[in-house]
Protein backbone atom coordinates (compact mmCIF):
# COMPACT_ATOMS: atom_id res chain seq x y z
CA UNK A 1 -4.54 24.48 20.44
CA UNK A 2 -5.82 21.90 18.85
CA UNK A 3 -9.15 19.77 18.98
CA UNK A 4 -9.21 16.12 18.29
CA UNK A 5 -11.89 15.05 16.36
CA UNK A 6 -13.29 12.00 16.55
CA UNK A 7 -12.62 10.27 13.07
CA UNK A 8 -16.09 9.65 11.04
CA UNK A 9 -16.42 6.14 9.88
CA UNK A 10 -18.53 3.98 7.98
CA UNK A 11 -21.02 1.77 9.28
CA UNK A 12 -22.86 -0.37 6.31
CA UNK A 13 -24.08 -4.03 5.86
CA UNK A 14 -21.79 -6.81 4.20
CA UNK A 15 -22.47 -7.28 0.44
CA UNK A 16 -23.78 -10.66 -0.76
CA UNK A 17 -23.05 -13.38 -3.20
CA UNK A 18 -25.54 -10.51 -5.61
CA UNK A 19 -22.66 -7.53 -5.17
CA UNK A 20 -25.42 -6.17 -3.64
CA UNK A 21 -25.04 -3.64 -0.40
CA UNK A 22 -27.02 -0.74 0.66
CA UNK A 23 -26.28 2.97 0.44
CA UNK A 24 -23.25 4.16 2.74
CA UNK A 25 -24.20 6.03 5.93
CA UNK A 26 -21.59 7.74 8.26
CA UNK A 27 -22.31 8.30 11.87
CA UNK A 28 -19.85 10.71 13.32
CA UNK A 29 -19.13 9.22 16.69
CA UNK A 30 -19.03 13.29 17.63
CA UNK A 31 -20.69 16.23 16.41
CA UNK A 32 -19.06 17.21 14.00
CA UNK A 33 -16.30 20.36 13.20
CA UNK A 34 -17.39 23.25 12.03
CA UNK A 35 -15.52 25.39 9.91
CA UNK A 36 -16.50 29.15 8.43
CA UNK A 37 -14.78 29.58 5.94
CA UNK A 38 -14.39 33.34 4.86
CA UNK A 39 -13.55 34.52 1.19
CA UNK A 40 -10.03 36.47 1.26
CA UNK A 41 -10.13 40.26 0.51
CA UNK A 42 -7.64 41.21 -1.09
CA UNK A 43 -4.98 43.00 0.86
CA UNK A 44 -5.12 46.73 0.31
CA UNK A 45 -5.69 47.51 -3.53
CA UNK A 46 -8.95 45.69 -5.63
CA UNK A 47 -6.62 45.53 -8.73
CA UNK A 48 -8.34 43.18 -11.85
CA UNK A 49 -4.77 40.45 -10.92
CA UNK A 50 -5.50 40.12 -7.25
CA UNK A 51 -9.47 39.73 -7.87
CA UNK A 52 -8.23 36.86 -10.32
CA UNK A 53 -6.14 35.46 -8.07
CA UNK A 54 -9.03 35.80 -4.81
CA UNK A 55 -11.29 33.53 -7.34
CA UNK A 56 -9.33 31.06 -7.56
CA UNK A 57 -7.12 31.02 -4.00
CA UNK A 58 -10.93 31.41 -2.87
CA UNK A 59 -12.79 28.21 -4.60
CA UNK A 60 -9.47 26.02 -4.12
CA UNK A 61 -9.25 26.32 -0.20
CA UNK A 62 -13.65 25.94 -0.15
CA UNK A 63 -13.04 22.57 -2.01
CA UNK A 64 -10.00 21.73 -0.28
CA UNK A 65 -11.73 21.43 2.85
CA UNK A 66 -15.06 20.21 2.17
CA UNK A 67 -13.08 17.72 0.27
CA UNK A 68 -11.43 17.27 3.63
CA UNK A 69 -13.91 14.81 5.03
CA UNK A 70 -13.51 15.93 8.35
CA UNK A 71 -16.16 19.00 9.04
CA UNK A 72 -19.23 20.66 8.82
CA UNK A 73 -19.42 24.04 6.47
CA UNK A 74 -21.48 26.09 7.34
CA UNK A 75 -23.57 27.71 4.46
CA UNK A 76 -22.16 30.67 3.37
CA UNK A 77 -25.42 33.07 2.88
CA UNK A 78 -25.18 33.24 6.20
CA UNK A 79 -22.39 34.29 7.13
CA UNK A 80 -22.01 38.47 8.50
CA UNK A 81 -21.06 41.37 5.32
CA UNK A 82 -18.32 42.97 6.93
CA UNK A 83 -14.94 41.36 5.02
CA UNK A 84 -12.31 40.31 6.94
CA UNK A 85 -8.66 41.12 6.28
CA UNK A 86 -7.15 40.61 9.51
CA UNK A 87 -7.92 39.23 13.20
CA UNK A 88 -9.05 42.87 14.90
CA UNK A 89 -11.63 42.59 11.89
CA UNK A 90 -13.85 39.66 13.47
CA UNK A 91 -16.57 39.97 15.76
CA UNK A 92 -16.97 36.60 17.84
CA UNK A 93 -20.13 36.62 18.73
CA UNK A 94 -21.30 36.66 15.61
CA UNK A 95 -20.11 33.10 14.21
CA UNK A 96 -21.80 32.26 17.19
CA UNK A 97 -25.51 32.78 16.74
CA UNK A 98 -27.15 29.44 15.80
CA UNK A 99 -27.55 29.43 11.74
CA UNK A 100 -24.09 29.85 12.08
CA UNK A 101 -22.68 28.21 15.50
CA UNK A 102 -19.22 28.33 13.97
CA UNK A 103 -16.79 26.48 16.06
CA UNK A 104 -13.26 27.57 13.62
CA UNK A 105 -13.16 30.79 11.42
CA UNK A 106 -10.41 30.96 8.76
CA UNK A 107 -9.72 34.20 6.15
CA UNK A 108 -7.50 36.75 5.29
CA UNK A 109 -6.25 38.40 2.44
CA UNK A 110 -4.41 38.03 -0.76
CA UNK A 111 -1.93 40.91 -2.87
CA UNK A 112 -0.74 40.64 -6.52
CA UNK A 113 2.25 43.40 -6.63
CA UNK A 114 4.46 43.64 -9.58
CA UNK A 115 7.04 41.50 -8.20
CA UNK A 116 5.22 39.12 -5.40
CA UNK A 117 2.68 37.98 -4.23
CA UNK A 118 2.11 37.72 -0.64
CA UNK A 119 -1.16 35.83 1.22
CA UNK A 120 -1.95 36.74 4.70
CA UNK A 121 -4.02 33.31 6.32
CA UNK A 122 -5.29 32.69 9.46
CA UNK A 123 -7.47 29.92 11.51
CA UNK A 124 -8.91 30.46 14.90
CA UNK A 125 -10.94 29.31 17.36
CA UNK A 126 -14.73 30.99 17.82
CA UNK A 127 -15.37 29.85 21.34
CA UNK A 128 -12.35 30.45 22.78
CA UNK A 129 -10.74 33.42 20.07
CA UNK A 130 -7.82 32.63 20.13
CA UNK A 131 -5.04 32.06 17.30
CA UNK A 132 -4.78 28.63 15.88
CA UNK A 133 -2.69 29.10 12.79
CA UNK A 134 -1.43 32.61 10.85
CA UNK A 135 0.41 32.14 8.46
CA UNK A 136 2.16 34.33 5.30
CA UNK A 137 2.73 33.13 2.20
CA UNK A 138 5.31 34.64 -0.63
CA UNK A 139 5.22 33.64 -3.75
CA UNK A 140 7.15 35.16 -6.80
CA UNK A 141 4.39 33.90 -9.54
CA UNK A 142 0.59 34.63 -9.28
CA UNK A 143 -0.34 31.36 -11.14
CA UNK A 144 1.20 29.53 -8.17
CA UNK A 145 -1.83 31.03 -6.23
CA UNK A 146 -3.59 27.43 -6.02
CA UNK A 147 -0.23 25.33 -4.26
CA UNK A 148 -0.98 28.47 -1.56
CA UNK A 149 -4.59 27.71 -1.20
CA UNK A 150 -3.53 23.73 -0.47
CA UNK A 151 -0.88 24.58 1.55
CA UNK A 152 -2.89 26.64 4.02
CA UNK A 153 -5.66 24.19 3.68
CA UNK A 154 -3.47 21.25 4.36
CA UNK A 155 -2.71 23.18 7.38
CA UNK A 156 -5.93 23.59 8.41
CA UNK A 157 -6.54 19.16 8.71
CA UNK A 158 -3.06 18.50 10.45
CA UNK A 159 -4.03 20.97 12.92
CA UNK A 160 -8.23 20.32 13.70
CA UNK A 161 -7.15 16.47 13.42
CA UNK A 162 -4.81 16.38 16.20
CA UNK A 163 -1.81 15.74 13.33
CA UNK A 164 -4.53 12.56 12.70
CA UNK A 165 -4.00 13.54 9.14
CA UNK A 166 -2.01 15.85 6.76
CA UNK A 167 -4.81 16.45 4.23
CA UNK A 168 -4.54 15.31 0.18
CA UNK A 169 -4.53 19.43 -1.02
CA UNK A 170 -1.12 19.45 -1.74
CA UNK A 171 -0.99 15.87 -3.21
CA UNK A 172 -0.20 14.02 -6.89
CA UNK A 173 -2.24 11.64 -9.10
CA UNK A 174 -0.63 10.14 -11.81
CA UNK A 175 -2.37 7.86 -14.89
CA UNK A 176 -1.96 6.95 -18.54
CA UNK A 177 -3.99 8.45 -20.92
CA UNK A 178 -3.95 8.70 -24.89
CA UNK A 179 -4.31 11.35 -26.03
CA UNK A 180 -3.11 10.72 -29.31
CA UNK A 181 -1.52 6.97 -30.81
CA UNK A 182 0.90 6.59 -27.83
CA UNK A 183 -0.33 6.60 -23.93
CA UNK A 184 1.73 8.05 -21.50
CA UNK A 185 1.71 8.85 -18.57
CA UNK A 186 0.88 12.17 -17.04
CA UNK A 187 0.65 13.35 -12.90
CA UNK A 188 -1.66 15.92 -12.44
CA UNK A 189 -2.53 17.64 -8.73
CA UNK A 190 -5.54 15.23 -6.68
CA UNK A 191 -8.39 17.89 -8.49
CA UNK A 192 -7.15 16.67 -11.63
CA UNK A 193 -5.01 20.71 -12.20
CA UNK A 194 -1.90 20.56 -13.98
CA UNK A 195 -1.16 17.43 -15.74
CA UNK A 196 2.38 17.33 -16.59
CA UNK A 197 2.91 14.70 -19.83
CA UNK A 198 5.73 12.14 -17.69
CA UNK A 199 6.41 9.42 -20.00
CA UNK A 200 7.58 10.76 -24.08
CA UNK A 201 8.86 7.21 -25.28
CA UNK A 202 5.84 7.44 -28.12
CA UNK A 203 5.01 4.47 -26.80
CA UNK A 204 1.82 2.74 -24.95
CA UNK A 205 2.71 3.28 -20.99
CA UNK A 206 0.54 1.66 -18.41
CA UNK A 207 0.05 0.93 -14.79
CA UNK A 208 2.29 3.70 -12.82
CA UNK A 209 3.26 3.27 -9.09
CA UNK A 210 4.71 5.93 -7.35
CA UNK A 211 7.91 5.22 -4.60
CA UNK A 212 7.37 5.40 -1.09
CA UNK A 213 8.20 9.06 -1.15
CA UNK A 214 6.57 10.02 -3.80
CA UNK A 215 9.87 10.80 -6.08
CA UNK A 216 10.29 7.58 -8.22
CA UNK A 217 7.52 6.48 -10.76
CA UNK A 218 7.84 2.73 -11.65
CA UNK A 219 4.79 1.99 -15.10
CA UNK A 220 5.46 -0.52 -17.59
CA UNK A 221 5.81 0.74 -21.86
CA UNK A 222 5.74 -1.14 -24.86
CA UNK A 223 8.31 1.03 -27.49
CA UNK A 224 6.63 1.75 -31.31
CA UNK A 225 7.95 -1.21 -33.68
CA UNK A 226 8.54 -3.51 -31.06
CA UNK A 227 6.79 -6.67 -29.18
CA UNK A 228 8.34 -6.57 -25.00
CA UNK A 229 6.87 -5.13 -22.41
CA UNK A 230 9.56 -3.35 -19.71
CA UNK A 231 9.04 -1.89 -16.65
CA UNK A 232 11.22 1.71 -16.30
CA UNK A 233 11.74 3.31 -12.73
CA UNK A 234 11.61 7.65 -13.75
CA UNK A 235 12.69 10.48 -11.47
CA UNK A 236 9.74 13.73 -11.64
CA UNK A 237 12.24 15.64 -14.14
CA UNK A 238 14.38 13.36 -15.00
CA UNK A 239 15.79 10.35 -16.53
CA UNK A 240 14.64 6.66 -16.25
CA UNK A 241 16.13 3.58 -16.02
CA UNK A 242 14.88 -0.19 -16.76
CA UNK A 243 14.83 -2.65 -14.75
CA UNK A 244 15.63 -6.56 -16.50
CA UNK A 245 12.62 -8.46 -16.13
CA UNK A 246 12.45 -12.46 -16.58
CA UNK A 247 11.19 -12.41 -20.04
CA UNK A 248 9.13 -9.87 -23.37
CA UNK A 249 5.53 -9.43 -20.63
CA UNK A 250 5.74 -7.10 -17.40
CA UNK A 251 2.87 -5.21 -15.50
CA UNK A 252 1.78 -3.64 -12.69
CA UNK A 253 4.93 -3.64 -10.44
CA UNK A 254 4.63 -2.27 -6.45
CA UNK A 255 6.54 -0.43 -4.74
CA UNK A 256 7.41 -2.42 -0.89
CA UNK A 257 6.80 0.41 2.42
CA UNK A 258 10.13 -0.47 3.32
CA UNK A 259 13.87 -0.39 1.67
CA UNK A 260 14.57 -0.26 -2.46
CA UNK A 261 12.15 -3.48 -3.55
CA UNK A 262 9.72 -3.61 -5.88
CA UNK A 263 7.19 -6.31 -7.56
CA UNK A 264 5.91 -7.36 -9.80
CA UNK A 265 4.06 -9.10 -12.71
CA UNK A 266 5.87 -11.18 -14.94
CA UNK A 267 6.72 -14.64 -17.18
CA UNK A 268 9.57 -16.15 -18.63
CA UNK A 269 10.14 -17.20 -21.93
CA UNK A 270 9.76 -20.63 -21.16
CA UNK A 271 6.21 -19.69 -19.19
CA UNK A 272 2.28 -18.19 -20.64
CA UNK A 273 1.08 -17.90 -17.41
CA UNK A 274 2.56 -14.54 -15.14
CA UNK A 275 4.30 -14.77 -11.63
CA UNK A 276 4.73 -12.79 -9.12
CA UNK A 277 8.59 -11.80 -8.49
CA UNK A 278 10.01 -9.27 -6.04
CA UNK A 279 13.85 -7.36 -6.85
CA UNK A 280 15.41 -5.13 -5.89
CA UNK A 281 15.09 -1.42 -7.94
CA UNK A 282 17.86 -2.51 -10.74
CA UNK A 283 17.14 -6.40 -10.32
CA UNK A 284 19.18 -7.92 -8.46
CA UNK A 285 18.49 -10.57 -6.18
CA UNK A 286 15.23 -10.90 -8.43
CA UNK A 287 12.60 -14.02 -6.44
CA UNK A 288 9.91 -15.60 -8.28
CA UNK A 289 7.56 -15.94 -5.08
CA UNK A 290 4.36 -17.76 -6.51
CA UNK A 291 5.21 -20.69 -9.18
CA UNK A 292 1.84 -21.70 -9.44
CA UNK A 293 -0.35 -22.46 -12.78
CA UNK A 294 -2.36 -19.80 -13.50
CA UNK A 295 -2.23 -15.98 -13.85
CA UNK A 296 -1.10 -14.10 -10.77
CA UNK A 297 -0.64 -10.72 -11.04
CA UNK A 298 -1.49 -6.90 -9.63
CA UNK A 299 1.04 -7.74 -6.64
CA UNK A 300 -0.08 -5.30 -3.59
CA UNK A 301 1.38 -4.53 -0.33
CA UNK A 302 0.62 -4.22 3.37
CA UNK A 303 2.03 -1.18 4.97
CA UNK A 304 4.54 -3.19 7.26
CA UNK A 305 5.84 -4.85 4.05
CA UNK A 306 4.90 -8.16 5.42
CA UNK A 307 1.75 -9.38 2.63
CA UNK A 308 1.43 -8.85 -0.32
CA UNK A 309 -2.33 -8.80 -1.94
CA UNK A 310 -2.89 -10.42 -5.53
CA UNK A 311 -4.76 -11.44 -8.25
CA UNK A 312 -5.04 -14.88 -9.47
CA UNK A 313 -7.17 -16.96 -11.20
CA UNK A 314 -5.41 -20.53 -10.47
CA UNK A 315 -9.02 -21.89 -9.14
CA UNK A 316 -11.06 -20.85 -11.90
CA UNK A 317 -11.52 -16.94 -12.06
CA UNK A 318 -9.07 -13.92 -11.08
CA UNK A 319 -9.76 -13.56 -7.19
CA UNK A 320 -7.61 -11.64 -4.01
CA UNK A 321 -5.12 -13.67 -2.49
CA UNK A 322 -2.54 -12.59 -0.03
CA UNK A 323 0.39 -14.23 0.66
CA UNK A 324 3.17 -13.41 3.14
CA UNK A 325 6.61 -11.29 1.60
CA UNK A 326 8.66 -14.64 1.09
CA UNK A 327 5.88 -16.35 -0.53
CA UNK A 328 4.56 -18.31 1.60
CA UNK A 329 1.36 -19.18 3.42
CA UNK A 330 -0.92 -18.38 0.12
CA UNK A 331 -4.66 -18.17 1.16
CA UNK A 332 -7.30 -16.81 -0.74
CA UNK A 333 -9.72 -13.55 0.75
CA UNK A 334 -12.36 -13.30 -1.43
CA UNK A 335 -14.99 -16.08 -1.94
CA UNK A 336 -17.68 -14.75 -4.17
CA UNK A 337 -16.43 -15.48 -7.67
CA UNK A 338 -16.73 -13.13 -10.38
CA UNK A 339 -13.73 -11.36 -11.77
CA UNK A 340 -11.64 -9.58 -9.56
CA UNK A 341 -8.67 -6.90 -10.65
CA UNK A 342 -6.59 -4.06 -9.06
CA UNK A 343 -6.41 -4.86 -5.17
CA UNK A 344 -4.81 -1.23 -3.09
CA UNK A 345 -3.86 -2.24 0.34
CA UNK A 346 -4.92 0.62 3.21
CA UNK A 347 -2.20 2.88 4.94
CA UNK A 348 -3.95 1.48 8.52
CA UNK A 349 -3.23 -1.31 7.05
CA UNK A 350 -6.63 -3.38 7.92
CA UNK A 351 -9.37 -2.94 3.94
CA UNK A 352 -8.46 -3.50 0.69
CA UNK A 353 -10.12 -1.62 -1.96
CA UNK A 354 -10.63 -3.57 -5.21
CA UNK A 355 -12.84 -4.11 -8.53
CA UNK A 356 -15.03 -7.14 -9.27
CA UNK A 357 -17.81 -7.70 -11.97
CA UNK A 358 -20.52 -9.99 -10.16
CA UNK A 359 -21.82 -13.61 -12.14
CA UNK A 360 -24.19 -11.54 -13.00
CA UNK A 361 -23.33 -8.29 -13.76
CA UNK A 362 -21.31 -6.79 -17.40
CA UNK A 363 -19.74 -4.29 -14.95
CA UNK A 364 -17.03 -3.42 -12.40
CA UNK A 365 -17.38 -1.66 -9.26
CA UNK A 366 -15.25 -1.01 -6.16
CA UNK A 367 -14.92 -2.86 -3.19
CA UNK A 368 -13.90 -2.66 0.20
CA UNK A 369 -12.71 -6.03 1.79
CA UNK A 370 -12.19 -5.49 5.49
CA UNK A 371 -9.18 -7.89 6.27
CA UNK A 372 -9.90 -9.53 9.74
CA UNK A 373 -13.74 -9.59 9.65
CA UNK A 374 -13.69 -10.73 5.76
CA UNK A 375 -16.66 -8.48 5.53
CA UNK A 376 -16.77 -6.79 1.93
CA UNK A 377 -18.35 -3.62 1.02
CA UNK A 378 -19.78 -1.73 -2.05
CA UNK A 379 -18.46 1.22 -2.59
CA UNK A 380 -19.68 2.87 -6.17
CA UNK A 381 -22.98 2.75 -7.69
CA UNK A 382 -24.97 4.00 -10.85
CA UNK A 383 -23.24 3.91 -14.42
CA UNK A 384 -20.48 3.54 -15.81
CA UNK A 385 -17.49 0.33 -14.77
CA UNK A 386 -15.46 1.30 -12.48
CA UNK A 387 -11.90 0.17 -12.18
CA UNK A 388 -8.18 0.63 -10.68
CA UNK A 389 -9.09 1.57 -7.52
CA UNK A 390 -6.20 3.09 -5.64
CA UNK A 391 -6.19 5.10 -1.80
CA UNK A 392 -5.32 8.25 -0.64
CA UNK A 393 -2.45 8.85 1.06
CA UNK A 394 -3.98 9.33 4.37
CA UNK A 395 -7.29 6.59 3.50
CA UNK A 396 -10.11 9.13 3.72
CA UNK A 397 -10.49 8.74 -0.09
CA UNK A 398 -10.57 7.05 -3.07
CA UNK A 399 -8.97 7.41 -6.94
CA UNK A 400 -10.84 5.50 -9.27
CA UNK A 401 -11.33 4.83 -13.03
CA UNK A 402 -14.63 4.86 -14.34
CA UNK A 403 -16.74 4.73 -18.23
CA UNK A 404 -20.21 6.71 -17.72
CA UNK A 405 -19.40 9.41 -19.89
CA UNK A 406 -18.57 6.91 -22.89
CA UNK A 407 -14.45 7.32 -22.39
CA UNK A 408 -12.45 6.58 -19.55
CA UNK A 409 -12.11 9.50 -16.68
CA UNK A 410 -10.26 9.27 -13.49
CA UNK A 411 -12.84 9.94 -10.75
CA UNK A 412 -12.08 10.59 -6.79
CA UNK A 413 -14.63 10.78 -3.66
CA UNK A 414 -15.07 9.71 0.16
CA UNK A 415 -15.05 6.72 0.64
CA UNK A 416 -17.89 6.47 1.62
CA UNK A 417 -19.26 7.82 -1.52
CA UNK A 418 -20.15 11.32 -1.21
CA UNK A 419 -17.43 14.62 -2.88
CA UNK A 420 -17.90 12.15 -6.05
CA UNK A 421 -16.04 14.56 -8.71
CA UNK A 422 -14.77 13.53 -12.58
CA UNK A 423 -10.92 15.62 -12.23
CA UNK A 424 -10.16 13.90 -16.39
CA UNK A 425 -11.85 14.55 -19.44
CA UNK A 426 -9.78 15.01 -22.43
CA UNK A 427 -8.89 11.99 -24.44
CA UNK A 428 -9.08 8.02 -22.81
CA UNK A 429 -7.34 8.07 -18.94
CA UNK A 430 -6.76 5.49 -16.10
CA UNK A 431 -4.92 3.63 -13.67
CA UNK A 432 -4.94 6.48 -11.33
CA UNK A 433 -2.11 5.53 -8.70
CA UNK A 434 -2.25 8.01 -5.53
CA UNK A 435 1.07 9.87 -4.61
CA UNK A 436 1.78 8.99 -0.84
CA UNK A 437 3.13 12.23 0.84
CA UNK A 438 5.99 14.67 -0.20
CA UNK A 439 7.86 17.18 1.72
CA UNK A 440 6.25 21.05 0.03
CA UNK A 441 8.42 23.63 -1.11
CA UNK A 442 5.82 26.56 0.09
CA UNK A 443 7.23 29.05 1.44
CA UNK A 444 5.43 30.30 5.07
CA UNK A 445 6.43 32.48 7.26
């Protein structure tokens, strides 16, 4: 059974020429779905291993569902005290009292044994007393319990949104990190856990970008004792290939949503200004799309692949421009002056994120351009400079870098500014890229 949730959207006041805008206000078009999340309990015996796994599982599941921005979650202080292992334990009337008034209830059990960890997870419609989900997960490595929680959270989001979102709990974020003399590319879970190094070339690696199927990363690198930037394509856990570029400088790769095309910023040996180029993954069919005096950089494709937005200073300062994918029909989108950077097109094609330093400010903040109306909304405020914004694959969240702690760190938040989380802490971290959806490898029955 599925419930169609009316999606929350933003009602904002457009930014003025000075970059000022009131706080974002969420106004649901219907009453929000109330989801109670009862702590999972041990299935048989409460061994120390099981208790440790339960602590992780319960926290991850709660955090994932809260961050999803689909649900109102009642306080656990009002929950009935009786533990829920199986559906027969549920007294549905207890979850419909005024202090709870839950629409749905998630619960289950978990057990860690010598060879196998088993989690049984349920989602019930409290009003109809009908099961919505019933899953059994088996893993041989208890350290993967976070993945089980992510999997179940995403399945809840998918079911209760009637497929409007697949959730983001299983997604990955790539980023550039300086944790020593080199700057390498890392990949981590969306919540900052399980960071793994992707590049190991001891050079300076920047601007990671995911392929549409999340199997490939593109980034630029300059190796030690060299003066030439190169563009790398790398499969996770595999080797890399280098895409031939027209000169010694290349930046900001962006995969087209369909086909095997890659856009990037580069300059030829005869030019001091960079242009936007497009080629296949192996460098074939390279075309210069801009060929204009001034620096053109940071391309981002529309979801249909028919347009490319980019940054250009051809009128004096870096602004957001857009063109058709063949380089025609070039036009300026942002007219406010100042310094724009790092545009990213929304998954539904309606908006472009970018960072902007207003003429009267010293720092950047993240802004949202509604393409159809030319209205601009401010998304970040407060301390530090916020830059390099990137959409989540469901278009409900963003990742960006901020300097409020004194160093560049990666943050995530809902598009309305709620649920702000710092997800890196060690080293200098920048240029987050949120992966598209990829198939899950979790075993569930």
